[in-house]
Amino acid sequence: MKQVTLARFACILLAVLGWGSAQALYDDGPGRTVHSYESIAFDFGKDRYALDLAANALALQHEEVDTSGAALLRNRHEFTRPGT
């Protein structure tokens, strides 16, 4: 798995009933700014999610669990405050 670090501003809104949204704005190279808007559906009966909060950081991780109980990392988003 390849992991990159990009300068980013993020706004994450976790909502009720298994739905949420995330918005991000990040620098993806010289002269290229990317706006990302994602709707997130949480399947708590099948998948696993982790939300880690700290004073200067936030991480959201999603794992799919197969029928044998093995977990496969689908994605992980980590955000930290600038200068920390």
Protein backbone atom coordinates (compact mmCIF):
# COMPACT_ATOMS: atom_id res chain seq x y z
CA MET A 1 0.00 0.00 0.00
CA LYS A 2 1.29 3.44 -0.92
CA GLN A 3 0.73 6.29 1.49
CA VAL A 4 1.34 9.93 0.64
CA THR A 5 1.19 13.12 2.68
CA LEU A 6 -0.51 16.16 1.18
CA ALA A 7 -1.18 19.60 2.54
CA ARG A 8 -4.88 19.43 3.28
CA PHE A 9 -7.85 21.11 4.88
CA ALA A 10 -10.59 18.73 5.95
CA CYS A 11 -14.09 19.03 7.27
CA ILE A 12 -15.63 15.77 8.43
CA LEU A 13 -19.23 15.52 9.48
CA LEU A 14 -20.33 12.23 10.97
CA ALA A 15 -24.08 11.90 10.97
CA VAL A 16 -26.62 9.53 12.46
CA LEU A 17 -28.18 6.39 11.00
CA GLY A 18 -25.00 5.10 9.38
CA TRP A 19 -24.37 8.01 6.99
CA GLY A 20 -21.82 10.78 7.01
CA SER A 21 -19.84 13.08 4.77
CA ALA A 22 -16.30 14.32 4.39
CA GLN A 23 -14.95 17.28 2.47
CA ALA A 24 -11.27 17.93 1.79
CA LEU A 25 -9.24 20.53 -0.03
CA TYR A 26 -5.62 19.68 -0.74
CA ASP A 27 -2.57 20.65 -2.76
CA ASP A 28 -1.81 17.91 -5.29
CA GLY A 29 1.25 19.46 -6.92
CA PRO A 30 2.28 22.73 -8.53
CA GLY A 31 -0.81 24.67 -9.50
CA ARG A 32 -3.20 21.80 -8.79
CA THR A 33 -5.74 22.07 -5.99
CA VAL A 34 -8.19 19.22 -5.50
CA HIS A 35 -11.64 19.49 -3.91
CA SER A 36 -12.93 16.17 -2.61
CA TYR A 37 -16.49 15.52 -1.42
CA GLU A 38 -17.43 12.06 -0.23
CA SER A 39 -20.60 10.57 1.19
CA ILE A 40 -19.91 7.72 3.56
CA ALA A 41 -22.25 4.83 4.33
CA PHE A 42 -21.36 2.80 7.40
CA ASP A 43 -22.22 -0.92 7.41
CA PHE A 44 -21.77 -1.71 11.10
CA GLY A 45 -23.13 -5.24 10.69
CA LYS A 46 -20.34 -6.30 8.33
CA ASP A 47 -17.44 -3.84 8.38
CA ARG A 48 -15.25 -2.32 11.09
CA TYR A 49 -14.55 1.37 11.56
CA ALA A 50 -12.14 3.17 13.84
CA LEU A 51 -12.20 6.87 14.68
CA ASP A 52 -9.14 8.07 16.58
CA LEU A 53 -9.19 11.58 18.01
CA ALA A 54 -6.35 13.53 19.59
CA ALA A 55 -5.77 17.20 20.38
CA ASN A 56 -3.89 17.68 17.10
CA ALA A 57 -5.02 14.76 14.92
CA LEU A 58 -7.93 12.73 13.62
CA ALA A 59 -7.87 9.35 11.85
CA LEU A 60 -10.75 7.41 10.27
CA GLN A 61 -10.16 3.81 9.20
CA HIS A 62 -12.43 1.33 7.37
CA GLU A 63 -11.88 -2.43 7.21
CA GLU A 64 -14.04 -4.96 5.36
CA VAL A 65 -14.47 -8.28 7.15
CA ASP A 66 -14.89 -11.42 5.02
CA THR A 67 -16.86 -14.55 5.94
CA SER A 68 -13.81 -16.13 7.63
CA GLY A 69 -13.47 -13.08 9.91
CA ALA A 70 -10.31 -11.75 8.23
CA ALA A 71 -10.13 -7.96 7.95
CA LEU A 72 -9.01 -6.15 4.79
CA LEU A 73 -7.98 -2.51 5.11
CA ARG A 74 -10.07 -0.50 2.62
CA ASN A 75 -8.87 2.99 3.52
CA ARG A 76 -7.43 5.17 6.24
CA HIS A 77 -7.57 8.95 6.35
CA GLU A 78 -5.29 10.79 8.77
CA PHE A 79 -5.47 14.51 9.42
CA THR A 80 -3.12 16.58 11.58
CA ARG A 81 -3.04 20.28 12.37
CA PRO A 82 -0.33 22.25 10.56
CA GLY A 83 2.79 22.84 12.60
CA THR A 84 2.37 19.78 14.84
